Amino acid sequence: MSNLALQIAYPVNGYRNSTMRAAIGITEMNSIEEILAECKKLEHEGFLQQAIDILASAIPQTQDPRLYFRRGHIQQKIGEYRQSLSNYSVAIILSPANAEYYLSRANLYANCLDDTASAIEDYLVAATLVPDWSYPHQELSMVYLAIGEKSQAVTHAVVSATKEPHNSSAHFCLGVCRLAVGEYYLAIEALRAAILLEPTYEAYWSSLGRALAEVQNLDEAKTCYIKAIELKPSARTWFNLGNLYYEMELIALAIECLNSAENYDVSVIDRLMIDSCRTMINSRNKAATQIA
């Protein structure tokens, strides 16, 4: 089909002519870089299937690992996890020294396929290929934490923060791991370091609030939770603040916070915590009424 025919068949419209671009495929693209740039543009515009179609046309002619990787990345975004795994794996076979490919496959294993063992294996390979890169160790710390291997989690979090001391997320991971093993003062130190580097992430403030609450520094914990809510309110942070007010015996404020938590997306775990806190408040109020 000629370009003129394509323009007639797929006129420029609200889709920014993405269908036409996909139909042209690689006939007007002279390099892998141009193909990748076009696919990234389509992906950014939300036309993921069109980007996959272009890659499907290009791959048999080039067998370039970057094209397999990009197709795997897009397929992961649309939930085609097994196809994504296949494309990531081919990219790795073609370019076995590329740490980014291993890292992306590890994220797929960990977050989409529930294959922790394979995720850990790929994260370790990525960490070996780029020894100064902290990110694989951050991911390893979170995976180990999720499966209950807390000492391993702390080990990799320490490595991550040591490799990139100016990386706020590395210190955050370390703080979360320290918090999980009950090393509250070390957690506070790590989370303060994360906030010093990046003060606009609500998760940093909320986690610091939790750590401070554990050492009974309730006033500063309250300040941290309020800051987290100012940055990005969530059901979990409102609950944490409400629970803190309950510990401080400020029951009316605790109830207000629990009511505010209801205004946001409430997960099953959040719902259980909110209901549990309400039950404690009701029991307390009932006991106070009986005494009176």
C-alpha atoms as a PDB file:
ATOM      1  CA  MET A   1       0.000   0.000   0.000  1.00  0.00           C
ATOM      2  CA  SER A   2       1.429   3.402  -0.979  1.00  0.00           C
ATOM      3  CA  ASN A   3       1.851   6.198   1.522  1.00  0.00           C
ATOM      4  CA  LEU A   4      -0.939   8.123  -0.229  1.00  0.00           C
ATOM      5  CA  ALA A   5      -3.261   5.127   0.043  1.00  0.00           C
ATOM      6  CA  LEU A   6      -2.354   4.779   3.692  1.00  0.00           C
ATOM      7  CA  GLN A   7      -3.218   8.435   4.301  1.00  0.00           C
ATOM      8  CA  ILE A   8      -6.618   7.900   2.688  1.00  0.00           C
ATOM      9  CA  ALA A   9      -7.267   4.688   4.623  1.00  0.00           C
ATOM     10  CA  TYR A  10      -6.033   6.060   7.942  1.00  0.00           C
ATOM     11  CA  PRO A  11      -6.609   9.846   7.929  1.00  0.00           C
ATOM     12  CA  VAL A  12      -5.028  12.072  10.542  1.00  0.00           C
ATOM     13  CA  ASN A  13      -7.424  12.360  13.461  1.00  0.00           C
ATOM     14  CA  GLY A  14      -7.539  12.296  17.255  1.00  0.00           C
ATOM     15  CA  TYR A  15      -5.333   9.213  17.189  1.00  0.00           C
ATOM     16  CA  ARG A  16      -2.517  11.319  15.717  1.00  0.00           C
ATOM     17  CA  ASN A  17      -2.335   8.952  12.739  1.00  0.00           C
ATOM     18  CA  SER A  18      -0.835   6.203  14.922  1.00  0.00           C
ATOM     19  CA  THR A  19      -2.651   3.471  13.001  1.00  0.00           C
ATOM     20  CA  MET A  20      -1.126   4.704   9.761  1.00  0.00           C
ATOM     21  CA  ARG A  21       2.324   4.794  11.326  1.00  0.00           C
ATOM     22  CA  ALA A  22       1.901   1.220  12.514  1.00  0.00           C
ATOM     23  CA  ALA A  23       0.709   0.106   9.086  1.00  0.00           C
ATOM     24  CA  ILE A  24       3.737   1.695   7.426  1.00  0.00           C
ATOM     25  CA  GLY A  25       5.806  -0.390   9.825  1.00  0.00           C
ATOM     26  CA  ILE A  26       9.513  -0.081   9.182  1.00  0.00           C
ATOM     27  CA  THR A  27       9.369   0.859   5.491  1.00  0.00           C
ATOM     28  CA  GLU A  28      10.227   4.495   6.265  1.00  0.00           C
ATOM     29  CA  MET A  29      12.576   3.763   9.164  1.00  0.00           C
ATOM     30  CA  ASN A  30      16.194   3.264   8.287  1.00  0.00           C
ATOM     31  CA  SER A  31      17.678   2.282  11.629  1.00  0.00           C
ATOM     32  CA  ILE A  32      16.956   0.445  14.859  1.00  0.00           C
ATOM     33  CA  GLU A  33      17.154   3.786  16.650  1.00  0.00           C
ATOM     34  CA  GLU A  34      14.366   5.199  14.481  1.00  0.00           C
ATOM     35  CA  ILE A  35      12.189   2.150  15.100  1.00  0.00           C
ATOM     36  CA  LEU A  36      12.727   2.384  18.849  1.00  0.00           C
ATOM     37  CA  ALA A  37      12.053   6.125  18.836  1.00  0.00           C
ATOM     38  CA  GLU A  38       8.796   5.599  16.953  1.00  0.00           C
ATOM     39  CA  CYS A  39       7.698   2.839  19.329  1.00  0.00           C
ATOM     40  CA  LYS A  40       8.516   4.936  22.378  1.00  0.00           C
ATOM     41  CA  LYS A  41       6.483   7.781  20.896  1.00  0.00           C
ATOM     42  CA  LEU A  42       3.514   5.504  20.302  1.00  0.00           C
ATOM     43  CA  GLU A  43       3.890   4.075  23.791  1.00  0.00           C
ATOM     44  CA  HIS A  44       3.922   7.567  25.282  1.00  0.00           C
ATOM     45  CA  GLU A  45       0.751   8.403  23.331  1.00  0.00           C
ATOM     46  CA  GLY A  46      -0.933   5.251  24.629  1.00  0.00           C
ATOM     47  CA  PHE A  47      -0.964   3.276  21.366  1.00  0.00           C
ATOM     48  CA  LEU A  48       0.719   0.197  22.749  1.00  0.00           C
ATOM     49  CA  GLN A  49      -0.607  -2.358  20.290  1.00  0.00           C
ATOM     50  CA  GLN A  50       0.533  -0.254  17.353  1.00  0.00           C
ATOM     51  CA  ALA A  51       4.013  -0.153  18.837  1.00  0.00           C
ATOM     52  CA  ILE A  52       3.970  -3.935  19.213  1.00  0.00           C
ATOM     53  CA  ASP A  53       2.909  -4.265  15.583  1.00  0.00           C
ATOM     54  CA  ILE A  54       5.881  -2.198  14.405  1.00  0.00           C
ATOM     55  CA  LEU A  55       8.239  -4.301  16.504  1.00  0.00           C
ATOM     56  CA  ALA A  56       6.696  -7.496  15.140  1.00  0.00           C
ATOM     57  CA  SER A  57       7.478  -6.276  11.619  1.00  0.00           C
ATOM     58  CA  ALA A  58      11.025  -5.251  12.465  1.00  0.00           C
ATOM     59  CA  ILE A  59      12.216  -8.183  14.566  1.00  0.00           C
ATOM     60  CA  PRO A  60      12.365 -10.878  11.827  1.00  0.00           C
ATOM     61  CA  GLN A  61      14.551  -8.588   9.696  1.00  0.00           C
ATOM     62  CA  THR A  62      16.995  -7.470  12.389  1.00  0.00           C
ATOM     63  CA  GLN A  63      16.991  -9.870  15.374  1.00  0.00           C
ATOM     64  CA  ASP A  64      18.168  -6.932  17.461  1.00  0.00           C
ATOM     65  CA  PRO A  65      17.927  -7.528  21.247  1.00  0.00           C
ATOM     66  CA  ARG A  66      16.725  -3.971  21.808  1.00  0.00           C
ATOM     67  CA  LEU A  67      13.596  -4.675  19.812  1.00  0.00           C
ATOM     68  CA  TYR A  68      12.829  -7.832  21.787  1.00  0.00           C
ATOM     69  CA  PHE A  69      13.396  -5.924  25.001  1.00  0.00           C
ATOM     70  CA  ARG A  70      11.098  -3.070  23.983  1.00  0.00           C
ATOM     71  CA  ARG A  71       8.371  -5.504  22.928  1.00  0.00           C
ATOM     72  CA  GLY A  72       8.710  -7.316  26.254  1.00  0.00           C
ATOM     73  CA  HIS A  73       8.470  -4.012  28.096  1.00  0.00           C
ATOM     74  CA  ILE A  74       5.266  -2.999  26.298  1.00  0.00           C
ATOM     75  CA  GLN A  75       3.715  -6.452  26.667  1.00  0.00           C
ATOM     76  CA  GLN A  76       4.353  -6.272  30.390  1.00  0.00           C
ATOM     77  CA  LYS A  77       2.484  -2.963  30.525  1.00  0.00           C
ATOM     78  CA  ILE A  78      -0.615  -4.478  28.893  1.00  0.00           C
ATOM     79  CA  GLY A  79      -0.568  -7.608  31.049  1.00  0.00           C
ATOM     80  CA  GLU A  80       0.812 -10.088  28.511  1.00  0.00           C
ATOM     81  CA  TYR A  81       3.270 -11.412  31.058  1.00  0.00           C
ATOM     82  CA  ARG A  82       4.237 -14.711  29.437  1.00  0.00           C
ATOM     83  CA  GLN A  83       4.870 -13.059  26.089  1.00  0.00           C
ATOM     84  CA  SER A  84       6.852 -10.377  27.888  1.00  0.00           C
ATOM     85  CA  LEU A  85       8.945 -13.043  29.617  1.00  0.00           C
ATOM     86  CA  SER A  86       9.663 -14.699  26.289  1.00  0.00           C
ATOM     87  CA  ASN A  87      10.865 -11.455  24.713  1.00  0.00           C
ATOM     88  CA  TYR A  88      12.987 -10.457  27.705  1.00  0.00           C
ATOM     89  CA  SER A  89      14.577 -13.906  27.630  1.00  0.00           C
ATOM     90  CA  VAL A  90      15.436 -13.680  23.930  1.00  0.00           C
ATOM     91  CA  ALA A  91      16.946 -10.228  24.508  1.00  0.00           C
ATOM     92  CA  ILE A  92      19.128 -11.723  27.253  1.00  0.00           C
ATOM     93  CA  ILE A  93      20.237 -14.598  25.022  1.00  0.00           C
ATOM     94  CA  LEU A  94      21.236 -12.114  22.317  1.00  0.00           C
ATOM     95  CA  SER A  95      22.868  -9.686  24.760  1.00  0.00           C
ATOM     96  CA  PRO A  96      23.836 -11.613  27.905  1.00  0.00           C
ATOM     97  CA  ALA A  97      25.931  -8.792  29.389  1.00  0.00           C
ATOM     98  CA  ASN A  98      23.087  -6.260  29.527  1.00  0.00           C
ATOM     99  CA  ALA A  99      22.195  -5.705  33.197  1.00  0.00           C
ATOM    100  CA  GLU A 100      19.034  -3.735  32.351  1.00  0.00           C
ATOM    101  CA  TYR A 101      17.558  -6.753  30.600  1.00  0.00           C
ATOM    102  CA  TYR A 102      18.120  -8.968  33.637  1.00  0.00           C
ATOM    103  CA  LEU A 103      16.704  -6.308  35.925  1.00  0.00           C
ATOM    104  CA  SER A 104      13.532  -5.918  33.875  1.00  0.00           C
ATOM    105  CA  ARG A 105      13.002  -9.673  33.731  1.00  0.00           C
ATOM    106  CA  ALA A 106      13.570  -9.844  37.485  1.00  0.00           C
ATOM    107  CA  ASN A 107      10.926  -7.161  38.045  1.00  0.00           C
ATOM    108  CA  LEU A 108       8.535  -9.163  35.870  1.00  0.00           C
ATOM    109  CA  TYR A 109       9.216 -12.323  37.866  1.00  0.00           C
ATOM    110  CA  ALA A 110       8.815 -10.529  41.190  1.00  0.00           C
ATOM    111  CA  ASN A 111       5.848  -8.260  40.483  1.00  0.00           C
ATOM    112  CA  CYS A 112       3.803 -10.133  37.879  1.00  0.00           C
ATOM    113  CA  LEU A 113       4.663 -13.837  37.862  1.00  0.00           C
ATOM    114  CA  ASP A 114       5.159 -14.490  41.585  1.00  0.00           C
ATOM    115  CA  ASP A 115       8.448 -16.267  40.885  1.00  0.00           C
ATOM    116  CA  THR A 116      10.660 -15.025  43.689  1.00  0.00           C
ATOM    117  CA  ALA A 117      13.492 -17.490  43.120  1.00  0.00           C
ATOM    118  CA  SER A 118      13.919 -16.493  39.470  1.00  0.00           C
ATOM    119  CA  ALA A 119      13.662 -12.810  40.389  1.00  0.00           C
ATOM    120  CA  ILE A 120      16.443 -13.128  42.951  1.00  0.00           C
ATOM    121  CA  GLU A 121      18.634 -14.962  40.436  1.00  0.00           C
ATOM    122  CA  ASP A 122      18.225 -12.217  37.834  1.00  0.00           C
ATOM    123  CA  TYR A 123      18.738  -9.392  40.330  1.00  0.00           C
ATOM    124  CA  LEU A 124      21.996 -11.008  41.436  1.00  0.00           C
ATOM    125  CA  VAL A 125      23.178 -11.284  37.824  1.00  0.00           C
ATOM    126  CA  ALA A 126      22.356  -7.606  37.223  1.00  0.00           C
ATOM    127  CA  ALA A 127      24.245  -6.653  40.381  1.00  0.00           C
ATOM    128  CA  THR A 128      27.255  -8.664  39.235  1.00  0.00           C
ATOM    129  CA  LEU A 129      27.263  -7.148  35.749  1.00  0.00           C
ATOM    130  CA  VAL A 130      27.244  -3.574  37.112  1.00  0.00           C
ATOM    131  CA  PRO A 131      28.956  -3.740  40.524  1.00  0.00           C
ATOM    132  CA  ASP A 132      28.465  -0.053  41.360  1.00  0.00           C
ATOM    133  CA  TRP A 133      24.725  -0.084  40.638  1.00  0.00           C
ATOM    134  CA  SER A 134      22.622   0.097  43.796  1.00  0.00           C
ATOM    135  CA  TYR A 135      19.217  -0.533  42.238  1.00  0.00           C
ATOM    136  CA  PRO A 136      19.443  -4.358  41.994  1.00  0.00           C
ATOM    137  CA  HIS A 137      20.338  -4.445  45.686  1.00  0.00           C
ATOM    138  CA  GLN A 138      17.355  -2.235  46.522  1.00  0.00           C
ATOM    139  CA  GLU A 139      15.072  -4.650  44.711  1.00  0.00           C
ATOM    140  CA  LEU A 140      16.726  -7.635  46.373  1.00  0.00           C
ATOM    141  CA  SER A 141      16.161  -6.068  49.783  1.00  0.00           C
ATOM    142  CA  MET A 142      12.450  -5.666  49.069  1.00  0.00           C
ATOM    143  CA  VAL A 143      12.072  -9.192  47.675  1.00  0.00           C
ATOM    144  CA  TYR A 144      13.859 -10.747  50.632  1.00  0.00           C
ATOM    145  CA  LEU A 145      11.750  -8.653  52.994  1.00  0.00           C
ATOM    146  CA  ALA A 146       8.558  -9.837  51.282  1.00  0.00           C
ATOM    147  CA  ILE A 147       9.479 -13.501  51.784  1.00  0.00           C
ATOM    148  CA  GLY A 148      10.535 -12.994  55.389  1.00  0.00           C
ATOM    149  CA  GLU A 149      14.303 -13.254  54.953  1.00  0.00           C
ATOM    150  CA  LYS A 150      14.917 -10.071  56.872  1.00  0.00           C
ATOM    151  CA  SER A 151      18.638 -10.440  57.499  1.00  0.00           C
ATOM    152  CA  GLN A 152      19.260 -10.831  53.756  1.00  0.00           C
ATOM    153  CA  ALA A 153      17.041  -7.818  53.156  1.00  0.00           C
ATOM    154  CA  VAL A 154      19.097  -5.669  55.511  1.00  0.00           C
ATOM    155  CA  THR A 155      22.358  -6.927  53.982  1.00  0.00           C
ATOM    156  CA  HIS A 156      21.391  -5.850  50.465  1.00  0.00           C
ATOM    157  CA  ALA A 157      19.886  -2.578  51.679  1.00  0.00           C
ATOM    158  CA  VAL A 158      23.179  -1.731  53.388  1.00  0.00           C
ATOM    159  CA  VAL A 159      25.073  -2.556  50.181  1.00  0.00           C
ATOM    160  CA  SER A 160      22.705  -0.348  48.184  1.00  0.00           C
ATOM    161  CA  ALA A 161      23.076   2.668  50.476  1.00  0.00           C
ATOM    162  CA  THR A 162      26.851   2.191  50.584  1.00  0.00           C
ATOM    163  CA  LYS A 163      27.199   2.036  46.809  1.00  0.00           C
ATOM    164  CA  GLU A 164      25.098   5.144  46.213  1.00  0.00           C
ATOM    165  CA  PRO A 165      25.106   7.306  49.357  1.00  0.00           C
ATOM    166  CA  HIS A 166      23.375  10.150  47.504  1.00  0.00           C
ATOM    167  CA  ASN A 167      20.472   7.960  46.372  1.00  0.00           C
ATOM    168  CA  SER A 168      17.414   8.702  48.506  1.00  0.00           C
ATOM    169  CA  SER A 169      15.606   5.471  47.607  1.00  0.00           C
ATOM    170  CA  ALA A 170      18.618   3.436  48.742  1.00  0.00           C
ATOM    171  CA  HIS A 171      18.405   5.017  52.201  1.00  0.00           C
ATOM    172  CA  PHE A 172      14.633   4.566  52.195  1.00  0.00           C
ATOM    173  CA  CYS A 173      14.980   0.836  51.492  1.00  0.00           C
ATOM    174  CA  LEU A 174      17.508   0.580  54.291  1.00  0.00           C
ATOM    175  CA  GLY A 175      15.165   2.403  56.659  1.00  0.00           C
ATOM    176  CA  VAL A 176      12.248   0.125  55.788  1.00  0.00           C
ATOM    177  CA  CYS A 177      14.394  -2.971  56.333  1.00  0.00           C
ATOM    178  CA  ARG A 178      15.746  -1.661  59.640  1.00  0.00           C
ATOM    179  CA  LEU A 179      12.190  -0.928  60.710  1.00  0.00           C
ATOM    180  CA  ALA A 180      11.116  -4.473  59.822  1.00  0.00           C
ATOM    181  CA  VAL A 181      13.793  -6.053  62.038  1.00  0.00           C
ATOM    182  CA  GLY A 182      13.117  -3.723  64.972  1.00  0.00           C
ATOM    183  CA  GLU A 183      16.257  -1.610  64.613  1.00  0.00           C
ATOM    184  CA  TYR A 184      14.257   1.548  65.103  1.00  0.00           C
ATOM    185  CA  TYR A 185      16.988   4.067  65.790  1.00  0.00           C
ATOM    186  CA  LEU A 186      18.985   2.875  62.782  1.00  0.00           C
ATOM    187  CA  ALA A 187      15.769   3.050  60.742  1.00  0.00           C
ATOM    188  CA  ILE A 188      15.256   6.646  61.863  1.00  0.00           C
ATOM    189  CA  GLU A 189      18.818   7.492  60.820  1.00  0.00           C
ATOM    190  CA  ALA A 190      18.363   5.992  57.352  1.00  0.00           C
ATOM    191  CA  LEU A 191      14.960   7.583  56.794  1.00  0.00           C
ATOM    192  CA  ARG A 192      16.226  10.998  57.860  1.00  0.00           C
ATOM    193  CA  ALA A 193      19.008  10.590  55.285  1.00  0.00           C
ATOM    194  CA  ALA A 194      16.421   9.784  52.591  1.00  0.00           C
ATOM    195  CA  ILE A 195      14.346  12.852  53.476  1.00  0.00           C
ATOM    196  CA  LEU A 196      17.406  15.083  53.487  1.00  0.00           C
ATOM    197  CA  LEU A 197      18.092  13.993  49.906  1.00  0.00           C
ATOM    198  CA  GLU A 198      14.466  14.048  48.709  1.00  0.00           C
ATOM    199  CA  PRO A 199      12.011  15.815  51.043  1.00  0.00           C
ATOM    200  CA  THR A 200       8.934  15.580  48.779  1.00  0.00           C
ATOM    201  CA  TYR A 201       8.174  11.821  48.962  1.00  0.00           C
ATOM    202  CA  GLU A 202       5.317  11.114  51.317  1.00  0.00           C
ATOM    203  CA  ALA A 203       6.410   7.502  51.849  1.00  0.00           C
ATOM    204  CA  TYR A 204       9.670   8.703  53.395  1.00  0.00           C
ATOM    205  CA  TRP A 205       7.845  10.879  55.911  1.00  0.00           C
ATOM    206  CA  SER A 206       5.235   8.245  56.714  1.00  0.00           C
ATOM    207  CA  SER A 207       7.876   5.569  57.338  1.00  0.00           C
ATOM    208  CA  LEU A 208       9.860   7.943  59.528  1.00  0.00           C
ATOM    209  CA  GLY A 209       6.660   8.580  61.474  1.00  0.00           C
ATOM    210  CA  ARG A 210       6.258   4.838  62.067  1.00  0.00           C
ATOM    211  CA  ALA A 211       9.843   4.496  63.268  1.00  0.00           C
ATOM    212  CA  LEU A 212       9.523   7.474  65.618  1.00  0.00           C
ATOM    213  CA  ALA A 213       6.263   6.116  67.008  1.00  0.00           C
ATOM    214  CA  GLU A 214       8.025   2.841  67.825  1.00  0.00           C
ATOM    215  CA  VAL A 215      10.490   4.708  70.087  1.00  0.00           C
ATOM    216  CA  GLN A 216       7.627   6.721  71.618  1.00  0.00           C
ATOM    217  CA  ASN A 217       8.647  10.007  70.008  1.00  0.00           C
ATOM    218  CA  LEU A 218       4.982  10.639  69.368  1.00  0.00           C
ATOM    219  CA  ASP A 219       5.048  14.388  68.772  1.00  0.00           C
ATOM    220  CA  GLU A 220       7.646  14.151  66.023  1.00  0.00           C
ATOM    221  CA  ALA A 221       5.879  11.094  64.602  1.00  0.00           C
ATOM    222  CA  LYS A 222       2.705  13.173  64.371  1.00  0.00           C
ATOM    223  CA  THR A 223       4.593  15.903  62.517  1.00  0.00           C
ATOM    224  CA  CYS A 224       5.888  13.347  60.016  1.00  0.00           C
ATOM    225  CA  TYR A 225       2.454  11.856  59.359  1.00  0.00           C
ATOM    226  CA  ILE A 226       0.950  15.310  58.847  1.00  0.00           C
ATOM    227  CA  LYS A 227       3.739  16.163  56.409  1.00  0.00           C
ATOM    228  CA  ALA A 228       3.105  12.923  54.503  1.00  0.00           C
ATOM    229  CA  ILE A 229      -0.596  13.759  54.266  1.00  0.00           C
ATOM    230  CA  GLU A 230       0.203  17.251  52.997  1.00  0.00           C
ATOM    231  CA  LEU A 231       2.358  15.739  50.250  1.00  0.00           C
ATOM    232  CA  LYS A 232       0.026  12.904  49.236  1.00  0.00           C
ATOM    233  CA  PRO A 233      -2.837  11.778  51.469  1.00  0.00           C
ATOM    234  CA  SER A 234      -3.697   8.090  51.617  1.00  0.00           C
ATOM    235  CA  ALA A 235      -5.845   5.760  53.680  1.00  0.00           C
ATOM    236  CA  ARG A 236      -2.755   4.176  55.266  1.00  0.00           C
ATOM    237  CA  THR A 237      -1.225   7.464  56.424  1.00  0.00           C
ATOM    238  CA  TRP A 238      -4.524   8.754  57.783  1.00  0.00           C
ATOM    239  CA  PHE A 239      -4.878   5.479  59.664  1.00  0.00           C
ATOM    240  CA  ASN A 240      -1.355   5.748  61.061  1.00  0.00           C
ATOM    241  CA  LEU A 241      -2.067   9.265  62.286  1.00  0.00           C
ATOM    242  CA  GLY A 242      -5.378   8.153  63.770  1.00  0.00           C
ATOM    243  CA  ASN A 243      -3.742   5.243  65.539  1.00  0.00           C
ATOM    244  CA  LEU A 244      -1.102   7.624  66.893  1.00  0.00           C
ATOM    245  CA  TYR A 245      -3.779   9.963  68.233  1.00  0.00           C
ATOM    246  CA  TYR A 246      -5.405   6.960  69.880  1.00  0.00           C
ATOM    247  CA  GLU A 247      -2.117   6.155  71.632  1.00  0.00           C
ATOM    248  CA  MET A 248      -1.926   9.809  72.710  1.00  0.00           C
ATOM    249  CA  GLU A 249      -5.501   9.469  74.074  1.00  0.00           C
ATOM    250  CA  LEU A 250      -6.790  12.109  71.660  1.00  0.00           C
ATOM    251  CA  ILE A 251      -9.840  10.062  70.746  1.00  0.00           C
ATOM    252  CA  ALA A 252     -11.821  12.714  68.866  1.00  0.00           C
ATOM    253  CA  LEU A 253      -8.857  13.409  66.604  1.00  0.00           C
ATOM    254  CA  ALA A 254      -8.328   9.669  66.124  1.00  0.00           C
ATOM    255  CA  ILE A 255     -11.911   9.273  64.929  1.00  0.00           C
ATOM    256  CA  GLU A 256     -11.529  12.222  62.547  1.00  0.00           C
ATOM    257  CA  CYS A 257      -8.467  10.601  61.002  1.00  0.00           C
ATOM    258  CA  LEU A 258     -10.205   7.251  60.561  1.00  0.00           C
ATOM    259  CA  ASN A 259     -13.111   9.031  58.883  1.00  0.00           C
ATOM    260  CA  SER A 260     -10.658  10.793  56.568  1.00  0.00           C
ATOM    261  CA  ALA A 261      -9.071   7.451  55.695  1.00  0.00           C
ATOM    262  CA  GLU A 262     -12.416   6.304  54.319  1.00  0.00           C
ATOM    263  CA  ASN A 263     -12.182   8.970  51.592  1.00  0.00           C
ATOM    264  CA  TYR A 264      -9.316   7.189  49.844  1.00  0.00           C
ATOM    265  CA  ASP A 265      -8.743   3.823  48.211  1.00  0.00           C
ATOM    266  CA  VAL A 266      -8.826   1.384  51.103  1.00  0.00           C
ATOM    267  CA  SER A 267      -7.059  -1.943  50.663  1.00  0.00           C
ATOM    268  CA  VAL A 268      -8.139  -5.097  52.477  1.00  0.00           C
ATOM    269  CA  ILE A 269      -5.286  -4.670  54.954  1.00  0.00           C
ATOM    270  CA  ASP A 270      -6.133  -0.990  55.482  1.00  0.00           C
ATOM    271  CA  ARG A 271      -9.760  -1.939  56.078  1.00  0.00           C
ATOM    272  CA  LEU A 272      -8.789  -4.472  58.743  1.00  0.00           C
ATOM    273  CA  MET A 273      -6.562  -1.945  60.504  1.00  0.00           C
ATOM    274  CA  ILE A 274      -9.194   0.800  60.406  1.00  0.00           C
ATOM    275  CA  ASP A 275     -11.909  -1.521  61.709  1.00  0.00           C
ATOM    276  CA  SER A 276      -9.578  -2.798  64.438  1.00  0.00           C
ATOM    277  CA  CYS A 277      -8.803   0.741  65.564  1.00  0.00           C
ATOM    278  CA  ARG A 278     -12.500   1.646  65.570  1.00  0.00           C
ATOM    279  CA  THR A 279     -13.206  -1.437  67.683  1.00  0.00           C
ATOM    280  CA  MET A 280     -10.562  -0.366  70.215  1.00  0.00           C
ATOM    281  CA  ILE A 281     -12.030   3.135  70.359  1.00  0.00           C
ATOM    282  CA  ASN A 282     -15.572   1.821  70.802  1.00  0.00           C
ATOM    283  CA  SER A 283     -14.446  -0.576  73.531  1.00  0.00           C
ATOM    284  CA  ARG A 284     -12.624   2.245  75.290  1.00  0.00           C
ATOM    285  CA  ASN A 285     -15.643   4.534  75.076  1.00  0.00           C
ATOM    286  CA  LYS A 286     -17.939   1.768  76.323  1.00  0.00           C
ATOM    287  CA  ALA A 287     -15.655   1.028  79.262  1.00  0.00           C
ATOM    288  CA  ALA A 288     -15.477   4.747  80.129  1.00  0.00           C
ATOM    289  CA  THR A 289     -19.281   4.986  80.025  1.00  0.00           C
ATOM    290  CA  GLN A 290     -19.671   1.997  82.355  1.00  0.00           C
ATOM    291  CA  ILE A 291     -17.212   3.477  84.843  1.00  0.00           C
ATOM    292  CA  ALA A 292     -19.056   6.787  84.785  1.00  0.00           C
END
